[in-house]
Amino acid sequence: MTRFILPASLILLAFVGCQYSAKQPAPAPIAAEVPTPTPATARVPLTYANAQAAVQAWIADMMQGGSVVVVRLKRIPRQHSAEARLRFTNLRYINEDFRQVSYTGKGLAVFTDDIDGRWVLMLVATLNGLHSIIQNTLTEVKSSL
């Protein structure tokens, strides 16, 4: 049988350490830090109208005007995403030369199905050659009703 002899200062230090850690408050649970989505925004289906409203909200926030129509909406279930073919009319924006440009033509939008069932507009692009806009966004798809 082996005995270990510890000095009194080490025993005192271990005792004080136990007392100190016992007085610390328990950390808050991690699950409480994650906000729960409100029922009004959860599980909104991705429809032509909802996709168009999300892209139109992006235009209102990021561009100087214009309108959009969703021509085609294709879901890609294996990637939890959807692709929308767009038709812009008089989309006005400031180009890389700091000039206001008006674009009418084709575009593309990518939506992602979030883990809680919400659809989020992730990317919007115009298809006008070298002067294309490719912009990342995080616009939540809301019901258009």
N, C-alpha and C. Protein backbone atom coordinates (compact mmCIF):
# COMPACT_ATOMS: atom_id res chain seq x y z
N MET A 1 0.85 -1.17 0.00
CA MET A 1 0.00 0.00 0.00
C MET A 1 0.90 1.24 0.00
N THR A 2 0.64 2.15 -0.92
CA THR A 2 1.44 3.35 -1.05
C THR A 2 0.71 4.52 -0.44
N ARG A 3 1.42 5.32 0.33
CA ARG A 3 0.83 6.51 0.93
C ARG A 3 1.47 7.74 0.32
N PHE A 4 0.63 8.75 0.10
CA PHE A 4 1.13 10.03 -0.39
C PHE A 4 1.02 11.04 0.73
N ILE A 5 2.07 11.73 0.99
CA ILE A 5 2.07 12.76 2.03
C ILE A 5 2.10 14.10 1.32
N LEU A 6 1.04 14.88 1.51
CA LEU A 6 0.92 16.19 0.88
C LEU A 6 1.23 17.27 1.90
N PRO A 7 1.94 18.31 1.51
CA PRO A 7 2.20 19.41 2.44
C PRO A 7 0.90 20.14 2.77
N ALA A 8 0.86 20.75 3.93
CA ALA A 8 -0.35 21.44 4.40
C ALA A 8 -0.74 22.59 3.48
N SER A 9 0.22 23.28 2.87
CA SER A 9 -0.11 24.41 1.99
C SER A 9 -0.85 23.94 0.75
N LEU A 10 -0.52 22.77 0.22
CA LEU A 10 -1.20 22.23 -0.95
C LEU A 10 -2.62 21.80 -0.59
N ILE A 11 -2.79 21.20 0.58
CA ILE A 11 -4.12 20.81 1.03
C ILE A 11 -4.99 22.04 1.22
N LEU A 12 -4.45 23.09 1.80
CA LEU A 12 -5.19 24.34 2.01
C LEU A 12 -5.57 24.98 0.69
N LEU A 13 -4.65 24.97 -0.27
CA LEU A 13 -4.91 25.54 -1.59
C LEU A 13 -6.03 24.77 -2.30
N ALA A 14 -6.02 23.45 -2.21
CA ALA A 14 -7.07 22.64 -2.83
C ALA A 14 -8.41 22.91 -2.16
N PHE A 15 -8.43 23.06 -0.84
CA PHE A 15 -9.67 23.34 -0.11
C PHE A 15 -10.23 24.69 -0.49
N VAL A 16 -9.38 25.72 -0.56
CA VAL A 16 -9.83 27.07 -0.92
C VAL A 16 -10.34 27.08 -2.35
N GLY A 17 -9.66 26.36 -3.25
CA GLY A 17 -10.11 26.29 -4.64
C GLY A 17 -11.48 25.67 -4.77
N CYS A 18 -11.75 24.62 -3.99
CA CYS A 18 -13.07 23.99 -4.01
C CYS A 18 -14.13 24.94 -3.49
N GLN A 19 -13.81 25.68 -2.44
CA GLN A 19 -14.76 26.64 -1.89
C GLN A 19 -15.06 27.74 -2.90
N TYR A 20 -14.03 28.22 -3.61
CA TYR A 20 -14.21 29.32 -4.57
C TYR A 20 -15.07 28.87 -5.75
N SER A 21 -14.80 27.66 -6.26
CA SER A 21 -15.56 27.20 -7.42
C SER A 21 -17.00 26.86 -7.03
N ALA A 22 -17.24 26.50 -5.78
CA ALA A 22 -18.60 26.18 -5.36
C ALA A 22 -19.46 27.44 -5.27
N LYS A 23 -18.84 28.62 -5.09
CA LYS A 23 -19.60 29.86 -4.96
C LYS A 23 -19.92 30.52 -6.30
N GLN A 24 -19.34 30.04 -7.39
CA GLN A 24 -19.57 30.63 -8.71
C GLN A 24 -20.96 30.23 -9.21
N PRO A 25 -21.68 31.19 -9.84
CA PRO A 25 -23.00 30.84 -10.37
C PRO A 25 -22.85 29.91 -11.57
N ALA A 26 -23.83 29.09 -11.74
CA ALA A 26 -23.82 28.16 -12.86
C ALA A 26 -24.01 28.94 -14.17
N PRO A 27 -23.33 28.57 -15.24
CA PRO A 27 -23.51 29.28 -16.50
C PRO A 27 -24.92 29.06 -17.05
N ALA A 28 -25.40 30.06 -17.77
CA ALA A 28 -26.73 29.96 -18.37
C ALA A 28 -26.72 28.87 -19.43
N PRO A 29 -27.82 28.17 -19.58
CA PRO A 29 -27.85 27.12 -20.60
C PRO A 29 -27.72 27.73 -22.00
N ILE A 30 -27.02 27.03 -22.87
CA ILE A 30 -26.76 27.54 -24.21
C ILE A 30 -28.05 27.66 -25.00
N ALA A 31 -28.98 26.77 -24.82
CA ALA A 31 -30.22 26.79 -25.59
C ALA A 31 -31.02 28.07 -25.35
N ALA A 32 -30.87 28.68 -24.18
CA ALA A 32 -31.61 29.91 -23.88
C ALA A 32 -31.06 31.10 -24.67
N GLU A 33 -29.81 31.00 -25.15
CA GLU A 33 -29.21 32.10 -25.88
C GLU A 33 -29.69 32.17 -27.32
N VAL A 34 -30.17 31.07 -27.88
CA VAL A 34 -30.62 31.04 -29.27
C VAL A 34 -32.06 31.53 -29.34
N PRO A 35 -32.32 32.61 -30.10
CA PRO A 35 -33.69 33.11 -30.17
C PRO A 35 -34.59 32.14 -30.93
N THR A 36 -35.79 32.03 -30.46
CA THR A 36 -36.78 31.17 -31.10
C THR A 36 -37.53 32.00 -32.15
N PRO A 37 -37.68 31.48 -33.37
CA PRO A 37 -38.39 32.26 -34.38
C PRO A 37 -39.85 32.46 -33.99
N THR A 38 -40.39 33.58 -34.35
CA THR A 38 -41.79 33.85 -34.06
C THR A 38 -42.66 33.01 -34.98
N PRO A 39 -43.81 32.58 -34.52
CA PRO A 39 -44.66 31.74 -35.35
C PRO A 39 -45.11 32.41 -36.65
N ALA A 40 -45.14 33.74 -36.68
CA ALA A 40 -45.60 34.43 -37.89
C ALA A 40 -44.62 34.26 -39.05
N THR A 41 -43.32 34.08 -38.78
CA THR A 41 -42.34 33.97 -39.86
C THR A 41 -41.91 32.54 -40.12
N ALA A 42 -42.27 31.62 -39.25
CA ALA A 42 -41.83 30.24 -39.43
C ALA A 42 -42.70 29.54 -40.47
N ARG A 43 -42.09 28.65 -41.21
CA ARG A 43 -42.78 27.77 -42.16
C ARG A 43 -43.55 28.53 -43.25
N VAL A 44 -42.98 29.59 -43.79
CA VAL A 44 -43.60 30.29 -44.92
C VAL A 44 -43.16 29.55 -46.18
N PRO A 45 -44.11 29.05 -46.98
CA PRO A 45 -43.72 28.31 -48.19
C PRO A 45 -43.12 29.26 -49.22
N LEU A 46 -42.24 28.73 -50.05
CA LEU A 46 -41.64 29.54 -51.11
C LEU A 46 -42.54 29.43 -52.34
N THR A 47 -43.22 30.51 -52.63
CA THR A 47 -44.09 30.59 -53.80
C THR A 47 -43.55 31.67 -54.73
N TYR A 48 -44.12 31.75 -55.92
CA TYR A 48 -43.72 32.80 -56.85
C TYR A 48 -43.91 34.18 -56.23
N ALA A 49 -45.05 34.39 -55.60
CA ALA A 49 -45.37 35.70 -55.01
C ALA A 49 -44.42 36.04 -53.86
N ASN A 50 -44.14 35.06 -52.99
CA ASN A 50 -43.23 35.30 -51.86
C ASN A 50 -41.80 35.55 -52.34
N ALA A 51 -41.36 34.80 -53.34
CA ALA A 51 -40.01 35.00 -53.89
C ALA A 51 -39.91 36.38 -54.53
N GLN A 52 -40.93 36.77 -55.27
CA GLN A 52 -40.93 38.09 -55.91
C GLN A 52 -40.93 39.20 -54.87
N ALA A 53 -41.69 39.04 -53.80
CA ALA A 53 -41.72 40.04 -52.72
C ALA A 53 -40.36 40.16 -52.04
N ALA A 54 -39.65 39.05 -51.86
CA ALA A 54 -38.33 39.09 -51.23
C ALA A 54 -37.32 39.82 -52.11
N VAL A 55 -37.34 39.56 -53.42
CA VAL A 55 -36.42 40.24 -54.33
C VAL A 55 -36.80 41.72 -54.43
N GLN A 56 -38.08 42.02 -54.43
CA GLN A 56 -38.53 43.42 -54.47
C GLN A 56 -38.09 44.15 -53.19
N ALA A 57 -38.10 43.47 -52.05
CA ALA A 57 -37.60 44.07 -50.80
C ALA A 57 -36.11 44.33 -50.90
N TRP A 58 -35.37 43.43 -51.55
CA TRP A 58 -33.93 43.65 -51.78
C TRP A 58 -33.72 44.88 -52.65
N ILE A 59 -34.54 45.04 -53.70
CA ILE A 59 -34.44 46.22 -54.57
C ILE A 59 -34.70 47.49 -53.76
N ALA A 60 -35.71 47.46 -52.92
CA ALA A 60 -36.04 48.64 -52.11
C ALA A 60 -34.92 48.99 -51.14
N ASP A 61 -34.24 47.97 -50.61
CA ASP A 61 -33.17 48.21 -49.63
C ASP A 61 -31.84 48.58 -50.27
N MET A 62 -31.49 47.96 -51.38
CA MET A 62 -30.14 48.06 -51.91
C MET A 62 -30.01 48.84 -53.22
N MET A 63 -31.07 49.01 -53.95
CA MET A 63 -31.01 49.65 -55.26
C MET A 63 -31.75 51.00 -55.22
N GLN A 64 -31.67 51.74 -56.32
CA GLN A 64 -32.34 53.04 -56.39
C GLN A 64 -33.73 52.95 -57.03
N GLY A 65 -34.20 51.76 -57.33
CA GLY A 65 -35.54 51.59 -57.88
C GLY A 65 -35.57 50.48 -58.91
N GLY A 66 -36.77 50.22 -59.41
CA GLY A 66 -36.97 49.18 -60.41
C GLY A 66 -37.97 48.16 -59.92
N SER A 67 -38.27 47.22 -60.81
CA SER A 67 -39.21 46.16 -60.44
C SER A 67 -38.70 44.83 -60.96
N VAL A 68 -39.31 43.77 -60.49
CA VAL A 68 -38.87 42.43 -60.83
C VAL A 68 -40.08 41.51 -60.96
N VAL A 69 -39.96 40.52 -61.83
CA VAL A 69 -40.96 39.46 -61.97
C VAL A 69 -40.21 38.13 -61.91
N VAL A 70 -40.71 37.21 -61.10
CA VAL A 70 -40.13 35.87 -61.04
C VAL A 70 -40.72 35.08 -62.20
N VAL A 71 -39.86 34.68 -63.12
CA VAL A 71 -40.29 33.97 -64.32
C VAL A 71 -40.36 32.47 -64.07
N ARG A 72 -39.40 31.95 -63.32
CA ARG A 72 -39.33 30.51 -63.06
C ARG A 72 -38.79 30.30 -61.66
N LEU A 73 -39.35 29.34 -60.95
CA LEU A 73 -38.90 29.00 -59.60
C LEU A 73 -38.66 27.50 -59.55
N LYS A 74 -37.42 27.12 -59.29
CA LYS A 74 -37.07 25.70 -59.28
C LYS A 74 -36.46 25.33 -57.94
N ARG A 75 -37.08 24.37 -57.26
CA ARG A 75 -36.55 23.89 -55.99
C ARG A 75 -35.49 22.82 -56.24
N ILE A 76 -34.46 22.84 -55.39
CA ILE A 76 -33.39 21.84 -55.46
C ILE A 76 -33.34 21.17 -54.08
N PRO A 77 -34.18 20.16 -53.85
CA PRO A 77 -34.33 19.57 -52.51
C PRO A 77 -33.04 19.01 -51.91
N ARG A 78 -32.17 18.42 -52.72
CA ARG A 78 -30.95 17.81 -52.19
C ARG A 78 -30.00 18.86 -51.61
N GLN A 79 -30.11 20.12 -52.08
CA GLN A 79 -29.25 21.18 -51.59
C GLN A 79 -29.99 22.13 -50.66
N HIS A 80 -31.25 21.82 -50.35
CA HIS A 80 -32.08 22.66 -49.49
C HIS A 80 -32.09 24.10 -50.01
N SER A 81 -32.30 24.25 -51.30
CA SER A 81 -32.27 25.58 -51.90
C SER A 81 -33.26 25.65 -53.05
N ALA A 82 -33.37 26.84 -53.60
CA ALA A 82 -34.22 27.07 -54.77
C ALA A 82 -33.57 28.15 -55.61
N GLU A 83 -33.83 28.09 -56.92
CA GLU A 83 -33.28 29.05 -57.85
C GLU A 83 -34.44 29.73 -58.56
N ALA A 84 -34.37 31.03 -58.66
CA ALA A 84 -35.42 31.79 -59.34
C ALA A 84 -34.82 32.51 -60.53
N ARG A 85 -35.44 32.38 -61.68
CA ARG A 85 -35.08 33.17 -62.86
C ARG A 85 -35.91 34.43 -62.81
N LEU A 86 -35.25 35.57 -62.97
CA LEU A 86 -35.90 36.87 -62.78
C LEU A 86 -35.92 37.66 -64.08
N ARG A 87 -36.82 38.62 -64.14
CA ARG A 87 -36.87 39.60 -65.22
C ARG A 87 -36.96 40.97 -64.57
N PHE A 88 -35.87 41.75 -64.64
CA PHE A 88 -35.83 43.09 -64.08
C PHE A 88 -36.34 44.11 -65.10
N THR A 89 -36.99 45.15 -64.58
CA THR A 89 -37.42 46.27 -65.41
C THR A 89 -36.95 47.55 -64.75
N ASN A 90 -36.12 48.31 -65.47
CA ASN A 90 -35.58 49.59 -64.99
C ASN A 90 -34.95 49.49 -63.60
N LEU A 91 -34.14 48.46 -63.39
CA LEU A 91 -33.40 48.33 -62.14
C LEU A 91 -32.30 49.39 -62.14
N ARG A 92 -32.39 50.33 -61.23
CA ARG A 92 -31.43 51.43 -61.18
C ARG A 92 -30.45 51.21 -60.03
N TYR A 93 -29.18 51.37 -60.36
CA TYR A 93 -28.12 51.19 -59.36
C TYR A 93 -26.91 52.02 -59.76
N ILE A 94 -25.98 52.16 -58.83
CA ILE A 94 -24.73 52.88 -59.08
C ILE A 94 -23.67 51.83 -59.44
N ASN A 95 -23.04 51.99 -60.62
CA ASN A 95 -22.04 51.00 -61.05
C ASN A 95 -20.68 51.29 -60.45
N GLU A 96 -19.67 50.50 -60.87
CA GLU A 96 -18.33 50.64 -60.32
C GLU A 96 -17.67 51.97 -60.69
N ASP A 97 -18.18 52.67 -61.71
CA ASP A 97 -17.68 53.99 -62.09
C ASP A 97 -18.46 55.11 -61.41
N PHE A 98 -19.28 54.78 -60.46
CA PHE A 98 -20.11 55.72 -59.70
C PHE A 98 -21.11 56.47 -60.60
N ARG A 99 -21.62 55.78 -61.60
CA ARG A 99 -22.66 56.34 -62.46
C ARG A 99 -23.94 55.56 -62.26
N GLN A 100 -25.06 56.25 -62.36
CA GLN A 100 -26.34 55.56 -62.24
C GLN A 100 -26.65 54.85 -63.54
N VAL A 101 -26.99 53.58 -63.43
CA VAL A 101 -27.27 52.73 -64.58
C VAL A 101 -28.68 52.18 -64.43
N SER A 102 -29.38 52.03 -65.54
CA SER A 102 -30.69 51.40 -65.54
C SER A 102 -30.58 50.11 -66.34
N TYR A 103 -31.03 49.02 -65.75
CA TYR A 103 -30.91 47.71 -66.39
C TYR A 103 -32.29 47.08 -66.52
N THR A 104 -32.58 46.59 -67.72
CA THR A 104 -33.77 45.80 -67.97
C THR A 104 -33.31 44.51 -68.60
N GLY A 105 -33.61 43.40 -67.97
CA GLY A 105 -33.17 42.12 -68.51
C GLY A 105 -33.26 41.01 -67.49
N LYS A 106 -32.53 39.94 -67.77
CA LYS A 106 -32.59 38.72 -66.96
C LYS A 106 -31.79 38.83 -65.68
N GLY A 107 -32.17 37.99 -64.72
CA GLY A 107 -31.47 37.91 -63.46
C GLY A 107 -31.65 36.55 -62.82
N LEU A 108 -31.02 36.36 -61.69
CA LEU A 108 -31.04 35.09 -60.98
C LEU A 108 -31.07 35.37 -59.48
N ALA A 109 -31.81 34.57 -58.75
CA ALA A 109 -31.83 34.66 -57.29
C ALA A 109 -31.70 33.25 -56.72
N VAL A 110 -31.00 33.14 -55.59
CA VAL A 110 -30.82 31.85 -54.92
C VAL A 110 -31.41 31.97 -53.52
N PHE A 111 -32.27 31.03 -53.19
CA PHE A 111 -32.91 30.95 -51.88
C PHE A 111 -32.40 29.70 -51.17
N THR A 112 -32.29 29.78 -49.83
CA THR A 112 -31.88 28.64 -49.02
C THR A 112 -32.96 28.33 -48.01
N ASP A 113 -33.22 27.04 -47.83
CA ASP A 113 -34.17 26.57 -46.83
C ASP A 113 -33.43 26.45 -45.51
N ASP A 114 -33.74 27.34 -44.57
CA ASP A 114 -33.06 27.34 -43.28
C ASP A 114 -33.49 26.12 -42.47
N ILE A 115 -32.73 25.77 -41.44
CA ILE A 115 -33.03 24.55 -40.67
C ILE A 115 -34.36 24.62 -39.92
N ASP A 116 -34.87 25.83 -39.68
CA ASP A 116 -36.15 25.95 -38.99
C ASP A 116 -37.31 26.11 -39.96
N GLY A 117 -37.07 25.87 -41.25
CA GLY A 117 -38.15 25.90 -42.23
C GLY A 117 -38.35 27.23 -42.94
N ARG A 118 -37.59 28.26 -42.56
CA ARG A 118 -37.73 29.56 -43.22
C ARG A 118 -36.91 29.57 -44.51
N TRP A 119 -37.40 30.29 -45.50
CA TRP A 119 -36.66 30.49 -46.73
C TRP A 119 -35.97 31.85 -46.65
N VAL A 120 -34.70 31.89 -47.08
CA VAL A 120 -33.90 33.10 -47.01
C VAL A 120 -33.31 33.37 -48.40
N LEU A 121 -33.47 34.61 -48.88
CA LEU A 121 -32.86 35.04 -50.13
C LEU A 121 -31.37 35.24 -49.87
N MET A 122 -30.52 34.46 -50.52
CA MET A 122 -29.09 34.49 -50.25
C MET A 122 -28.29 35.27 -51.29
N LEU A 123 -28.73 35.27 -52.55
CA LEU A 123 -27.94 35.89 -53.60
C LEU A 123 -28.85 36.41 -54.69
N VAL A 124 -28.53 37.58 -55.21
CA VAL A 124 -29.23 38.15 -56.35
C VAL A 124 -28.18 38.55 -57.37
N ALA A 125 -28.41 38.25 -58.65
CA ALA A 125 -27.46 38.60 -59.70
C ALA A 125 -28.22 39.05 -60.94
N THR A 126 -27.65 40.06 -61.62
CA THR A 126 -28.14 40.43 -62.94
C THR A 126 -27.25 39.72 -63.95
N LEU A 127 -27.78 39.49 -65.12
CA LEU A 127 -27.04 38.76 -66.13
C LEU A 127 -26.76 39.69 -67.32
N ASN A 128 -26.02 40.77 -67.04
CA ASN A 128 -25.70 41.72 -68.11
C ASN A 128 -24.20 41.85 -68.33
N GLY A 129 -23.56 40.72 -68.50
CA GLY A 129 -22.15 40.71 -68.87
C GLY A 129 -21.21 41.23 -67.80
N LEU A 130 -20.24 42.05 -68.23
CA LEU A 130 -19.23 42.56 -67.32
C LEU A 130 -19.80 43.51 -66.27
N HIS A 131 -20.96 44.07 -66.52
CA HIS A 131 -21.56 45.03 -65.60
C HIS A 131 -22.60 44.38 -64.69
N SER A 132 -22.51 43.09 -64.53
CA SER A 132 -23.46 42.36 -63.69
C SER A 132 -23.31 42.74 -62.23
N ILE A 133 -24.43 42.68 -61.54
CA ILE A 133 -24.43 42.83 -60.08
C ILE A 133 -24.54 41.43 -59.52
N ILE A 134 -23.66 41.08 -58.62
CA ILE A 134 -23.76 39.83 -57.88
C ILE A 134 -23.63 40.21 -56.42
N GLN A 135 -24.73 40.09 -55.69
CA GLN A 135 -24.72 40.58 -54.32
C GLN A 135 -25.31 39.54 -53.38
N ASN A 136 -24.60 39.30 -52.29
CA ASN A 136 -25.10 38.42 -51.23
C ASN A 136 -26.06 39.20 -50.36
N THR A 137 -27.06 38.52 -49.87
CA THR A 137 -28.06 39.15 -49.02
C THR A 137 -28.57 38.13 -48.03
N LEU A 138 -29.24 38.58 -47.00
CA LEU A 138 -29.90 37.69 -46.04
C LEU A 138 -31.31 38.19 -45.81
N THR A 139 -32.12 38.21 -46.85
CA THR A 139 -33.49 38.69 -46.77
C THR A 139 -34.42 37.51 -46.52
N GLU A 140 -35.13 37.56 -45.43
CA GLU A 140 -36.05 36.47 -45.09
C GLU A 140 -37.30 36.56 -45.96
N VAL A 141 -37.75 35.41 -46.46
CA VAL A 141 -38.96 35.35 -47.27
C VAL A 141 -40.15 35.39 -46.33
N LYS A 142 -41.03 36.35 -46.53
CA LYS A 142 -42.22 36.48 -45.72
C LYS A 142 -43.45 36.23 -46.58
N SER A 143 -44.54 35.97 -45.96
CA SER A 143 -45.78 35.72 -46.70
C SER A 143 -46.22 36.99 -47.40
N SER A 144 -46.66 36.88 -48.64
CA SER A 144 -47.08 38.05 -49.39
C SER A 144 -48.56 38.36 -49.21
N LEU A 145 -49.21 37.66 -48.30
CA LEU A 145 -50.65 37.89 -48.06
C LEU A 145 -50.87 39.14 -47.25
